[in-house]
Structures are given as structure tokens and as C-alpha cells.
Amino acid sequence: MDNIDFYKYKDLVELHILDFLPEVDYKSITVYEAMKYSVTAGGKRLRPSLLLAACEFAGGDIKNAIPYACAAEYIQTYSLIHDDLPAMDNDDIRRGLPTNHKVYGEATAILAGDGLLTSAFEAMNKDMLLYFDSDMQLKRRVKASYELAKGAGCKGMIAGQIADIEAVNKQCSKEMLDYININKTAALIVASIRAGAHLGGANEKMLRDLTDYAEFLGLAFQIKDDLLDVTGIETDMGKMPGVDKIMNKSTYPGCYGIEASKTKLKELTENAIAVLEPYYDEAEFFTNLANELLVRIK
């Protein structure tokens, strides 16, 4: 990724990524080490970076959004730990390293995911405690936390995950494929951007525009991921390619074909960019990020 501003946000997340994990007793240190193993394993840090970018775009101070950005990454990492388990996708490699359960065992991996999920809400709630004397600031934080909870929950990511599991080895309609990925992937991207927008004090129009952008971007991101699973290589992806085909999962290339999937990706990317065109250079970060989805697909 060549977006300089993206690295500004990503580097800030990397600097603070362990700050909001709770201190644990040495008697239960194993779960902390397992949590730390996965959350420091690298990755794009897309969701927390989008949260920080949306906060700044709306006029907020990104330093105040750091606990929420790290919470978004804790949620994302927990979902990957659980996705990789034998009962789910049964992956051996994640972010270029052995998956959590390959290092710590399945039971500890499950608890490490649980620990990261609950740590996300602990981080956000602890931050809220600092703002009881400011109704406006507290409301912004409550809204941000709610967005992340909803995006990760049973009407968001989990809804998409269960639909994805139930679609394995079945012929999936285009409508169901969109439902799966709007929830499984796009929901947490939308939630992260909306959370950042709330923290930055976005007005209703800006919130709607950022939401529309996020919805287009989230679905485009999943199509890109599906395409890379067919055309990518492990060193670039940080995980084994071809897993979707082995698992007989419902994907855009499988449903539409590779070329039609590329066309759909292009259309979604153009739609995302068009939504924020009225903001001109202020939306340059978001425009560049959307365009980079196309650059990686040959």
C-alpha cells in the first residue's frame, strides 16, 4: 500500500496496539500471550485506520479515537483467530505466521479470541469513564462503541459468518452471496468508519456519505479478497491461497467468474469514490484507498 496517510494511521495503531489489553495475573498469562501473538502479528490494520481517518475527516482529534481504533483491531483479530479454527476455515497460516490454534491449541485460541473481543469493550468503556462531565463527548463515545458492537454482532459480522458456513457445498444465489459479504466483511468496515465519524463529530450528511462509501468499499474489499484467493500468492497474502475452492465456499469468482468479478469490483470502487467527490481534496485518503483495491488485481 502506497498511501502515505494510511501509514500515518497504521503506525499510530501499531504504537498503541497493546496499550488497552488488560493486565492479567501470571496464573493466566498464557491467554494474554496468545492474544498478544495474534494482535501483534501484523496485518493491514484497515479497520482501525479507517476509524482514525473518519474521525479526522469529521474534524476530530485522532488521539482521542485511539482506544476505539485499537478496539476495532481487537475485534477483527478475534474474528480471524476463530475463523482459522478447524471448526471454521481450518487455516494453518495467518498474517504470514502459524495460526493461533497451531501455536497454542484450539482451547487457548478460542479463549484468546474471547479475550480480545471483551478487551475491545473494556478499552472503550474505560475511555467513556473519563467523560462523565461532558454529555457531548460521552454521547459520541457511546455511539462509537455501539457501532462497533452492532457491526461485530448478530446483525453484522456474525450474521455473515453463519450464512457463509451454511452456504458451504451449496449453490449460492447472488443475493445470498451479497448478504454474506455485506455482513461478514463490510459490516465491521462500515462500523469502524461510522464510529470514527461519531468521535469526530460528523453531521448527519457526512455520516450518511461516509456510510455509503464504507458499504461500497466493504463489498469491494471482499471481492478483492476472493479474487486474490484465486490469483494471489502466499507471500503477498499472508495466508494460503486457494482455500475457498478447497472448502467449496461461495465466492464472487465462483458465482460470477473472474472477469465479471473484476468488473463488479471496479463498479463498486467507482461508486465509493463518487460518494465523496463533493469533499474534493479532503477525501483524498478515502479515494486513494479505494483505488488501491484495483491496483492489486491484475
C-alpha atoms as a PDB file:
ATOM      1  CA  MET A   1       0.000   0.000   0.000  1.00  0.00           C
ATOM      2  CA  ASP A   2       1.427   3.358  -1.094  1.00  0.00           C
ATOM      3  CA  ASN A   3      -0.975   5.705   0.696  1.00  0.00           C
ATOM      4  CA  ILE A   4       1.238   7.838   2.956  1.00  0.00           C
ATOM      5  CA  ASP A   5      -1.681   8.915   5.141  1.00  0.00           C
ATOM      6  CA  PHE A   6      -2.657   5.279   5.614  1.00  0.00           C
ATOM      7  CA  TYR A   7       0.731   4.575   7.169  1.00  0.00           C
ATOM      8  CA  LYS A   8       0.276   7.575   9.456  1.00  0.00           C
ATOM      9  CA  TYR A   9      -2.831   5.952  10.872  1.00  0.00           C
ATOM     10  CA  LYS A  10      -1.460   2.421  10.775  1.00  0.00           C
ATOM     11  CA  ASP A  11       1.729   3.420  12.600  1.00  0.00           C
ATOM     12  CA  LEU A  12      -0.327   5.060  15.329  1.00  0.00           C
ATOM     13  CA  VAL A  13      -2.305   1.859  15.769  1.00  0.00           C
ATOM     14  CA  GLU A  14       0.879  -0.222  15.897  1.00  0.00           C
ATOM     15  CA  LEU A  15       2.311   2.089  18.543  1.00  0.00           C
ATOM     16  CA  HIS A  16      -0.682   1.656  20.852  1.00  0.00           C
ATOM     17  CA  ILE A  17      -1.982  -1.801  19.929  1.00  0.00           C
ATOM     18  CA  LEU A  18      -1.040  -3.366  23.288  1.00  0.00           C
ATOM     19  CA  ASP A  19      -1.956  -0.361  25.435  1.00  0.00           C
ATOM     20  CA  PHE A  20      -5.545  -1.411  26.026  1.00  0.00           C
ATOM     21  CA  LEU A  21      -5.099  -5.093  26.731  1.00  0.00           C
ATOM     22  CA  PRO A  22      -5.821  -5.686  30.426  1.00  0.00           C
ATOM     23  CA  GLU A  23      -3.105  -6.716  32.816  1.00  0.00           C
ATOM     24  CA  VAL A  24      -3.570 -10.351  33.754  1.00  0.00           C
ATOM     25  CA  ASP A  25      -2.413 -12.477  36.649  1.00  0.00           C
ATOM     26  CA  TYR A  26       0.635 -14.613  35.881  1.00  0.00           C
ATOM     27  CA  LYS A  27      -1.508 -17.667  36.589  1.00  0.00           C
ATOM     28  CA  SER A  28      -3.451 -16.925  33.401  1.00  0.00           C
ATOM     29  CA  ILE A  29      -0.586 -15.434  31.387  1.00  0.00           C
ATOM     30  CA  THR A  30      -0.994 -17.992  28.593  1.00  0.00           C
ATOM     31  CA  VAL A  31      -4.183 -16.403  27.315  1.00  0.00           C
ATOM     32  CA  TYR A  32      -2.526 -12.979  27.304  1.00  0.00           C
ATOM     33  CA  GLU A  33       0.423 -14.345  25.343  1.00  0.00           C
ATOM     34  CA  ALA A  34      -1.939 -15.945  22.833  1.00  0.00           C
ATOM     35  CA  MET A  35      -3.870 -12.675  22.474  1.00  0.00           C
ATOM     36  CA  LYS A  36      -0.638 -10.741  22.042  1.00  0.00           C
ATOM     37  CA  TYR A  37       0.675 -13.259  19.497  1.00  0.00           C
ATOM     38  CA  SER A  38      -2.177 -12.657  17.082  1.00  0.00           C
ATOM     39  CA  VAL A  39      -2.760  -8.965  17.638  1.00  0.00           C
ATOM     40  CA  THR A  40       0.938  -8.130  17.040  1.00  0.00           C
ATOM     41  CA  ALA A  41       1.312 -10.423  14.031  1.00  0.00           C
ATOM     42  CA  GLY A  42       0.912  -7.549  11.598  1.00  0.00           C
ATOM     43  CA  GLY A  43      -1.896  -7.254   9.099  1.00  0.00           C
ATOM     44  CA  LYS A  44      -3.313  -4.343   7.155  1.00  0.00           C
ATOM     45  CA  ARG A  45      -4.884  -2.559  10.172  1.00  0.00           C
ATOM     46  CA  LEU A  46      -7.537  -1.414   7.704  1.00  0.00           C
ATOM     47  CA  ARG A  47     -10.447  -1.021  10.113  1.00  0.00           C
ATOM     48  CA  PRO A  48      -8.656   0.973  12.826  1.00  0.00           C
ATOM     49  CA  SER A  49      -7.007   3.156  10.181  1.00  0.00           C
ATOM     50  CA  LEU A  50     -10.378   3.882   8.611  1.00  0.00           C
ATOM     51  CA  LEU A  51     -11.747   4.742  12.055  1.00  0.00           C
ATOM     52  CA  LEU A  52      -8.955   7.241  12.674  1.00  0.00           C
ATOM     53  CA  ALA A  53      -9.272   8.679   9.165  1.00  0.00           C
ATOM     54  CA  ALA A  54     -13.030   9.166   9.555  1.00  0.00           C
ATOM     55  CA  CYS A  55     -12.517  10.874  12.903  1.00  0.00           C
ATOM     56  CA  GLU A  56     -10.001  13.296  11.403  1.00  0.00           C
ATOM     57  CA  PHE A  57     -12.151  13.799   8.286  1.00  0.00           C
ATOM     58  CA  ALA A  58     -15.016  14.874  10.546  1.00  0.00           C
ATOM     59  CA  GLY A  59     -12.793  17.381  12.342  1.00  0.00           C
ATOM     60  CA  GLY A  60     -11.868  15.361  15.422  1.00  0.00           C
ATOM     61  CA  ASP A  61      -8.552  14.757  17.161  1.00  0.00           C
ATOM     62  CA  ILE A  62      -7.395  11.246  16.272  1.00  0.00           C
ATOM     63  CA  LYS A  63      -5.560  10.887  19.587  1.00  0.00           C
ATOM     64  CA  ASN A  64      -8.962  10.712  21.260  1.00  0.00           C
ATOM     65  CA  ALA A  65     -10.013   7.902  18.925  1.00  0.00           C
ATOM     66  CA  ILE A  66      -7.059   5.589  19.589  1.00  0.00           C
ATOM     67  CA  PRO A  67      -8.850   3.360  22.173  1.00  0.00           C
ATOM     68  CA  TYR A  68     -11.668   2.802  19.675  1.00  0.00           C
ATOM     69  CA  ALA A  69      -9.284   2.147  16.796  1.00  0.00           C
ATOM     70  CA  CYS A  70      -7.450  -0.478  18.851  1.00  0.00           C
ATOM     71  CA  ALA A  71     -10.807  -1.928  19.902  1.00  0.00           C
ATOM     72  CA  ALA A  72     -11.737  -2.315  16.228  1.00  0.00           C
ATOM     73  CA  GLU A  73      -8.497  -4.216  15.629  1.00  0.00           C
ATOM     74  CA  TYR A  74      -9.053  -6.414  18.699  1.00  0.00           C
ATOM     75  CA  ILE A  75     -12.469  -7.339  17.287  1.00  0.00           C
ATOM     76  CA  GLN A  76     -11.031  -8.003  13.840  1.00  0.00           C
ATOM     77  CA  THR A  77      -8.216 -10.160  15.244  1.00  0.00           C
ATOM     78  CA  TYR A  78     -10.572 -12.147  17.460  1.00  0.00           C
ATOM     79  CA  SER A  79     -12.685 -12.923  14.403  1.00  0.00           C
ATOM     80  CA  LEU A  80      -9.624 -14.143  12.486  1.00  0.00           C
ATOM     81  CA  ILE A  81      -8.499 -16.407  15.338  1.00  0.00           C
ATOM     82  CA  HIS A  82     -11.933 -18.007  15.413  1.00  0.00           C
ATOM     83  CA  ASP A  83     -12.224 -18.122  11.602  1.00  0.00           C
ATOM     84  CA  ASP A  84      -8.982 -20.087  11.403  1.00  0.00           C
ATOM     85  CA  LEU A  85     -10.138 -22.811  13.808  1.00  0.00           C
ATOM     86  CA  PRO A  86     -10.697 -26.348  12.453  1.00  0.00           C
ATOM     87  CA  ALA A  87     -14.446 -25.997  13.008  1.00  0.00           C
ATOM     88  CA  MET A  88     -14.485 -22.921  10.763  1.00  0.00           C
ATOM     89  CA  ASP A  89     -11.984 -22.408   7.897  1.00  0.00           C
ATOM     90  CA  ASN A  90      -9.257 -24.693   9.289  1.00  0.00           C
ATOM     91  CA  ASP A  91      -6.342 -22.457   8.220  1.00  0.00           C
ATOM     92  CA  ASP A  92      -2.709 -23.034   9.142  1.00  0.00           C
ATOM     93  CA  ILE A  93      -1.287 -19.610   8.205  1.00  0.00           C
ATOM     94  CA  ARG A  94      -2.499 -16.128   9.093  1.00  0.00           C
ATOM     95  CA  ARG A  95      -0.598 -12.881   8.520  1.00  0.00           C
ATOM     96  CA  GLY A  96       2.377 -14.955   7.443  1.00  0.00           C
ATOM     97  CA  LEU A  97       2.598 -16.882  10.709  1.00  0.00           C
ATOM     98  CA  PRO A  98       1.130 -20.130  12.061  1.00  0.00           C
ATOM     99  CA  THR A  99      -2.447 -19.581  13.139  1.00  0.00           C
ATOM    100  CA  ASN A 100      -3.175 -19.161  16.827  1.00  0.00           C
ATOM    101  CA  HIS A 101      -4.514 -22.665  17.386  1.00  0.00           C
ATOM    102  CA  LYS A 102      -1.451 -24.164  15.693  1.00  0.00           C
ATOM    103  CA  VAL A 103       0.751 -22.481  18.293  1.00  0.00           C
ATOM    104  CA  TYR A 104      -1.400 -22.569  21.434  1.00  0.00           C
ATOM    105  CA  GLY A 105      -4.000 -25.267  20.762  1.00  0.00           C
ATOM    106  CA  GLU A 106      -7.680 -24.926  19.976  1.00  0.00           C
ATOM    107  CA  ALA A 107      -8.930 -24.303  23.506  1.00  0.00           C
ATOM    108  CA  THR A 108      -6.491 -21.467  24.162  1.00  0.00           C
ATOM    109  CA  ALA A 109      -7.158 -19.981  20.726  1.00  0.00           C
ATOM    110  CA  ILE A 110     -10.876 -19.846  21.470  1.00  0.00           C
ATOM    111  CA  LEU A 111     -10.202 -18.102  24.778  1.00  0.00           C
ATOM    112  CA  ALA A 112      -7.684 -15.735  23.159  1.00  0.00           C
ATOM    113  CA  GLY A 113     -10.382 -14.670  20.706  1.00  0.00           C
ATOM    114  CA  ASP A 114     -12.856 -14.242  23.544  1.00  0.00           C
ATOM    115  CA  GLY A 115     -10.256 -12.228  25.439  1.00  0.00           C
ATOM    116  CA  LEU A 116      -9.674  -9.853  22.547  1.00  0.00           C
ATOM    117  CA  LEU A 117     -13.386  -9.321  21.986  1.00  0.00           C
ATOM    118  CA  THR A 118     -14.052  -8.469  25.617  1.00  0.00           C
ATOM    119  CA  SER A 119     -10.886  -6.341  25.794  1.00  0.00           C
ATOM    120  CA  ALA A 120     -12.277  -4.217  22.969  1.00  0.00           C
ATOM    121  CA  PHE A 121     -15.280  -3.233  25.050  1.00  0.00           C
ATOM    122  CA  GLU A 122     -13.216  -2.856  28.193  1.00  0.00           C
ATOM    123  CA  ALA A 123     -10.992  -0.367  26.337  1.00  0.00           C
ATOM    124  CA  MET A 124     -13.928   1.672  25.075  1.00  0.00           C
ATOM    125  CA  ASN A 125     -15.834   1.634  28.363  1.00  0.00           C
ATOM    126  CA  LYS A 126     -12.743   2.657  30.306  1.00  0.00           C
ATOM    127  CA  ASP A 127     -12.355   5.638  27.981  1.00  0.00           C
ATOM    128  CA  MET A 128     -16.006   6.594  28.466  1.00  0.00           C
ATOM    129  CA  LEU A 129     -15.476   6.807  32.219  1.00  0.00           C
ATOM    130  CA  LEU A 130     -13.268   9.843  31.597  1.00  0.00           C
ATOM    131  CA  TYR A 131     -16.096  11.871  30.052  1.00  0.00           C
ATOM    132  CA  PHE A 132     -18.951  11.757  32.538  1.00  0.00           C
ATOM    133  CA  ASP A 133     -18.685  15.549  32.895  1.00  0.00           C
ATOM    134  CA  SER A 134     -19.245  16.154  29.171  1.00  0.00           C
ATOM    135  CA  ASP A 135     -22.534  14.954  27.734  1.00  0.00           C
ATOM    136  CA  MET A 136     -21.492  15.650  24.153  1.00  0.00           C
ATOM    137  CA  GLN A 137     -18.168  13.807  24.369  1.00  0.00           C
ATOM    138  CA  LEU A 138     -19.730  10.898  26.234  1.00  0.00           C
ATOM    139  CA  LYS A 139     -22.529  10.570  23.673  1.00  0.00           C
ATOM    140  CA  ARG A 140     -20.009  10.466  20.843  1.00  0.00           C
ATOM    141  CA  ARG A 141     -18.153   7.636  22.547  1.00  0.00           C
ATOM    142  CA  VAL A 142     -21.291   5.682  23.349  1.00  0.00           C
ATOM    143  CA  LYS A 143     -22.337   5.953  19.707  1.00  0.00           C
ATOM    144  CA  ALA A 144     -18.896   4.786  18.549  1.00  0.00           C
ATOM    145  CA  SER A 145     -18.976   1.774  20.862  1.00  0.00           C
ATOM    146  CA  TYR A 146     -22.485   0.900  19.727  1.00  0.00           C
ATOM    147  CA  GLU A 147     -21.431   0.991  16.062  1.00  0.00           C
ATOM    148  CA  LEU A 148     -18.615  -1.480  16.697  1.00  0.00           C
ATOM    149  CA  ALA A 149     -20.839  -3.748  18.779  1.00  0.00           C
ATOM    150  CA  LYS A 150     -23.523  -3.775  16.094  1.00  0.00           C
ATOM    151  CA  GLY A 151     -21.050  -4.308  13.258  1.00  0.00           C
ATOM    152  CA  ALA A 152     -19.461  -7.262  15.026  1.00  0.00           C
ATOM    153  CA  GLY A 153     -22.722  -8.779  16.225  1.00  0.00           C
ATOM    154  CA  CYS A 154     -25.633 -10.941  15.160  1.00  0.00           C
ATOM    155  CA  LYS A 155     -26.891  -8.358  12.661  1.00  0.00           C
ATOM    156  CA  GLY A 156     -23.389  -7.834  11.305  1.00  0.00           C
ATOM    157  CA  MET A 157     -20.263  -9.950  11.122  1.00  0.00           C
ATOM    158  CA  ILE A 158     -21.676 -12.982  12.952  1.00  0.00           C
ATOM    159  CA  ALA A 159     -24.742 -12.994  10.692  1.00  0.00           C
ATOM    160  CA  GLY A 160     -22.466 -13.125   7.674  1.00  0.00           C
ATOM    161  CA  GLN A 161     -20.294 -15.828   9.188  1.00  0.00           C
ATOM    162  CA  ILE A 162     -23.180 -18.196   9.907  1.00  0.00           C
ATOM    163  CA  ALA A 163     -24.631 -17.627   6.444  1.00  0.00           C
ATOM    164  CA  ASP A 164     -21.176 -18.284   4.972  1.00  0.00           C
ATOM    165  CA  ILE A 165     -20.866 -21.566   6.887  1.00  0.00           C
ATOM    166  CA  GLU A 166     -24.324 -22.713   5.833  1.00  0.00           C
ATOM    167  CA  ALA A 167     -23.562 -21.916   2.174  1.00  0.00           C
ATOM    168  CA  VAL A 168     -20.587 -24.302   2.005  1.00  0.00           C
ATOM    169  CA  ASN A 169     -21.102 -27.064  -0.573  1.00  0.00           C
ATOM    170  CA  LYS A 170     -24.288 -25.382  -1.796  1.00  0.00           C
ATOM    171  CA  GLN A 171     -25.187 -23.340  -4.860  1.00  0.00           C
ATOM    172  CA  CYS A 172     -25.425 -19.798  -3.536  1.00  0.00           C
ATOM    173  CA  SER A 173     -27.605 -17.133  -5.161  1.00  0.00           C
ATOM    174  CA  LYS A 174     -26.099 -13.750  -5.969  1.00  0.00           C
ATOM    175  CA  GLU A 175     -28.452 -12.182  -3.424  1.00  0.00           C
ATOM    176  CA  MET A 176     -27.284 -14.546  -0.691  1.00  0.00           C
ATOM    177  CA  LEU A 177     -23.635 -14.018  -1.667  1.00  0.00           C
ATOM    178  CA  ASP A 178     -24.086 -10.276  -1.217  1.00  0.00           C
ATOM    179  CA  TYR A 179     -25.864 -10.842   2.108  1.00  0.00           C
ATOM    180  CA  ILE A 180     -22.978 -12.980   3.363  1.00  0.00           C
ATOM    181  CA  ASN A 181     -20.311 -10.457   2.494  1.00  0.00           C
ATOM    182  CA  ILE A 182     -22.195  -7.278   3.348  1.00  0.00           C
ATOM    183  CA  ASN A 183     -22.334  -8.720   6.846  1.00  0.00           C
ATOM    184  CA  LYS A 184     -19.226 -10.894   7.162  1.00  0.00           C
ATOM    185  CA  THR A 185     -16.795  -8.308   5.812  1.00  0.00           C
ATOM    186  CA  ALA A 186     -18.419  -4.964   5.098  1.00  0.00           C
ATOM    187  CA  ALA A 187     -20.277  -4.587   8.407  1.00  0.00           C
ATOM    188  CA  LEU A 188     -17.170  -4.073  10.539  1.00  0.00           C
ATOM    189  CA  ILE A 189     -15.681  -1.727   7.930  1.00  0.00           C
ATOM    190  CA  VAL A 190     -18.889   0.313   7.976  1.00  0.00           C
ATOM    191  CA  ALA A 191     -18.930   0.223  11.780  1.00  0.00           C
ATOM    192  CA  SER A 192     -15.325   1.423  12.021  1.00  0.00           C
ATOM    193  CA  ILE A 193     -15.913   4.369   9.709  1.00  0.00           C
ATOM    194  CA  ARG A 194     -19.169   5.325  11.431  1.00  0.00           C
ATOM    195  CA  ALA A 195     -17.503   5.031  14.857  1.00  0.00           C
ATOM    196  CA  GLY A 196     -14.729   7.375  13.751  1.00  0.00           C
ATOM    197  CA  ALA A 197     -17.239   9.785  12.268  1.00  0.00           C
ATOM    198  CA  HIS A 198     -19.169   9.916  15.556  1.00  0.00           C
ATOM    199  CA  LEU A 199     -15.976  10.522  17.508  1.00  0.00           C
ATOM    200  CA  GLY A 200     -15.045  13.358  15.157  1.00  0.00           C
ATOM    201  CA  GLY A 201     -18.455  14.999  15.440  1.00  0.00           C
ATOM    202  CA  ALA A 202     -19.688  14.388  11.890  1.00  0.00           C
ATOM    203  CA  ASN A 203     -23.011  15.917  10.906  1.00  0.00           C
ATOM    204  CA  GLU A 204     -25.816  13.755   9.503  1.00  0.00           C
ATOM    205  CA  LYS A 205     -24.943  14.340   5.850  1.00  0.00           C
ATOM    206  CA  MET A 206     -21.285  13.496   6.337  1.00  0.00           C
ATOM    207  CA  LEU A 207     -22.246  10.404   8.339  1.00  0.00           C
ATOM    208  CA  ARG A 208     -24.540   9.237   5.512  1.00  0.00           C
ATOM    209  CA  ASP A 209     -21.873   9.869   2.882  1.00  0.00           C
ATOM    210  CA  LEU A 210     -19.192   8.037   4.854  1.00  0.00           C
ATOM    211  CA  THR A 211     -21.602   5.162   5.440  1.00  0.00           C
ATOM    212  CA  ASP A 212     -22.345   4.858   1.716  1.00  0.00           C
ATOM    213  CA  TYR A 213     -18.627   4.960   0.963  1.00  0.00           C
ATOM    214  CA  ALA A 214     -17.947   2.280   3.568  1.00  0.00           C
ATOM    215  CA  GLU A 215     -20.665  -0.022   2.226  1.00  0.00           C
ATOM    216  CA  PHE A 216     -19.244   0.149  -1.298  1.00  0.00           C
ATOM    217  CA  LEU A 217     -15.680  -0.224  -0.033  1.00  0.00           C
ATOM    218  CA  GLY A 218     -16.516  -3.157   2.231  1.00  0.00           C
ATOM    219  CA  LEU A 219     -18.090  -5.208  -0.539  1.00  0.00           C
ATOM    220  CA  ALA A 220     -15.295  -4.264  -2.949  1.00  0.00           C
ATOM    221  CA  PHE A 221     -12.757  -5.364  -0.362  1.00  0.00           C
ATOM    222  CA  GLN A 222     -14.347  -8.826  -0.131  1.00  0.00           C
ATOM    223  CA  ILE A 223     -14.439  -9.233  -3.908  1.00  0.00           C
ATOM    224  CA  LYS A 224     -10.761  -8.305  -3.995  1.00  0.00           C
ATOM    225  CA  ASP A 225     -10.055 -10.877  -1.293  1.00  0.00           C
ATOM    226  CA  ASP A 226     -11.965 -13.538  -3.231  1.00  0.00           C
ATOM    227  CA  LEU A 227     -10.003 -12.724  -6.383  1.00  0.00           C
ATOM    228  CA  LEU A 228      -6.686 -12.854  -4.558  1.00  0.00           C
ATOM    229  CA  ASP A 229      -7.596 -16.274  -3.208  1.00  0.00           C
ATOM    230  CA  VAL A 230      -7.685 -17.403  -6.849  1.00  0.00           C
ATOM    231  CA  THR A 231      -4.828 -15.346  -8.305  1.00  0.00           C
ATOM    232  CA  GLY A 232      -2.648 -14.383  -5.322  1.00  0.00           C
ATOM    233  CA  ILE A 233       0.425 -15.942  -3.724  1.00  0.00           C
ATOM    234  CA  GLU A 234       1.035 -16.772  -0.068  1.00  0.00           C
ATOM    235  CA  THR A 235       3.915 -14.321   0.462  1.00  0.00           C
ATOM    236  CA  ASP A 236       1.741 -11.394  -0.619  1.00  0.00           C
ATOM    237  CA  MET A 237      -1.444 -12.526   1.126  1.00  0.00           C
ATOM    238  CA  GLY A 238      -0.015 -13.747   4.430  1.00  0.00           C
ATOM    239  CA  LYS A 239      -2.193 -16.850   4.148  1.00  0.00           C
ATOM    240  CA  MET A 240      -2.618 -19.828   1.858  1.00  0.00           C
ATOM    241  CA  PRO A 241      -4.397 -19.095  -1.442  1.00  0.00           C
ATOM    242  CA  GLY A 242      -6.943 -21.496  -2.869  1.00  0.00           C
ATOM    243  CA  VAL A 243      -8.616 -22.210   0.464  1.00  0.00           C
ATOM    244  CA  ASP A 244     -12.047 -21.084  -0.746  1.00  0.00           C
ATOM    245  CA  LYS A 245     -12.020 -23.644  -3.540  1.00  0.00           C
ATOM    246  CA  ILE A 246     -10.799 -26.414  -1.236  1.00  0.00           C
ATOM    247  CA  MET A 247     -13.573 -25.596   1.247  1.00  0.00           C
ATOM    248  CA  ASN A 248     -16.088 -25.201  -1.602  1.00  0.00           C
ATOM    249  CA  LYS A 249     -17.110 -21.805  -0.250  1.00  0.00           C
ATOM    250  CA  SER A 250     -19.373 -19.335  -2.011  1.00  0.00           C
ATOM    251  CA  THR A 251     -17.245 -16.592  -3.597  1.00  0.00           C
ATOM    252  CA  TYR A 252     -17.627 -13.900  -6.231  1.00  0.00           C
ATOM    253  CA  PRO A 253     -15.313 -15.589  -8.768  1.00  0.00           C
ATOM    254  CA  GLY A 254     -17.190 -18.834  -8.181  1.00  0.00           C
ATOM    255  CA  CYS A 255     -20.567 -17.170  -8.683  1.00  0.00           C
ATOM    256  CA  TYR A 256     -19.772 -14.528 -11.316  1.00  0.00           C
ATOM    257  CA  GLY A 257     -16.485 -15.675 -12.841  1.00  0.00           C
ATOM    258  CA  ILE A 258     -13.150 -13.855 -12.566  1.00  0.00           C
ATOM    259  CA  GLU A 259     -13.693 -11.189 -15.223  1.00  0.00           C
ATOM    260  CA  ALA A 260     -17.211 -10.318 -14.093  1.00  0.00           C
ATOM    261  CA  SER A 261     -15.928 -10.117 -10.503  1.00  0.00           C
ATOM    262  CA  LYS A 262     -13.264  -7.659 -11.626  1.00  0.00           C
ATOM    263  CA  THR A 263     -15.949  -5.588 -13.323  1.00  0.00           C
ATOM    264  CA  LYS A 264     -18.090  -5.604 -10.176  1.00  0.00           C
ATOM    265  CA  LEU A 265     -15.057  -4.597  -8.115  1.00  0.00           C
ATOM    266  CA  LYS A 266     -14.395  -1.684 -10.470  1.00  0.00           C
ATOM    267  CA  GLU A 267     -18.016  -0.524 -10.306  1.00  0.00           C
ATOM    268  CA  LEU A 268     -18.109  -0.643  -6.509  1.00  0.00           C
ATOM    269  CA  THR A 269     -14.810   1.231  -6.282  1.00  0.00           C
ATOM    270  CA  GLU A 270     -16.055   3.945  -8.639  1.00  0.00           C
ATOM    271  CA  ASN A 271     -19.271   4.237  -6.616  1.00  0.00           C
ATOM    272  CA  ALA A 272     -17.286   4.609  -3.379  1.00  0.00           C
ATOM    273  CA  ILE A 273     -15.155   7.369  -4.874  1.00  0.00           C
ATOM    274  CA  ALA A 274     -18.162   9.170  -6.363  1.00  0.00           C
ATOM    275  CA  VAL A 275     -19.911   9.394  -2.989  1.00  0.00           C
ATOM    276  CA  LEU A 276     -17.121  11.532  -1.546  1.00  0.00           C
ATOM    277  CA  GLU A 277     -16.360  13.614  -4.664  1.00  0.00           C
ATOM    278  CA  PRO A 278     -18.156  16.680  -3.240  1.00  0.00           C
ATOM    279  CA  TYR A 279     -15.496  16.821  -0.494  1.00  0.00           C
ATOM    280  CA  TYR A 280     -12.684  17.234  -3.065  1.00  0.00           C
ATOM    281  CA  ASP A 281      -9.158  17.019  -1.628  1.00  0.00           C
ATOM    282  CA  GLU A 282     -10.443  16.470   1.903  1.00  0.00           C
ATOM    283  CA  ALA A 283     -11.484  12.974   0.819  1.00  0.00           C
ATOM    284  CA  GLU A 284      -8.157  12.160  -0.863  1.00  0.00           C
ATOM    285  CA  PHE A 285      -7.266   9.467   1.682  1.00  0.00           C
ATOM    286  CA  PHE A 286     -10.510   7.601   1.062  1.00  0.00           C
ATOM    287  CA  THR A 287     -10.242   7.986  -2.722  1.00  0.00           C
ATOM    288  CA  ASN A 288      -6.682   6.692  -2.789  1.00  0.00           C
ATOM    289  CA  LEU A 289      -7.563   3.759  -0.565  1.00  0.00           C
ATOM    290  CA  ALA A 290     -10.445   2.722  -2.812  1.00  0.00           C
ATOM    291  CA  ASN A 291      -8.282   2.990  -5.922  1.00  0.00           C
ATOM    292  CA  GLU A 292      -5.635   0.739  -4.389  1.00  0.00           C
ATOM    293  CA  LEU A 293      -8.142  -2.112  -4.377  1.00  0.00           C
ATOM    294  CA  LEU A 294      -7.996  -2.075  -8.164  1.00  0.00           C
ATOM    295  CA  VAL A 295      -4.228  -1.758  -8.411  1.00  0.00           C
ATOM    296  CA  ARG A 296      -3.635  -5.111  -6.676  1.00  0.00           C
ATOM    297  CA  ILE A 297      -5.908  -7.041  -9.049  1.00  0.00           C
ATOM    298  CA  LYS A 298      -4.218  -7.967 -12.345  1.00  0.00           C
END
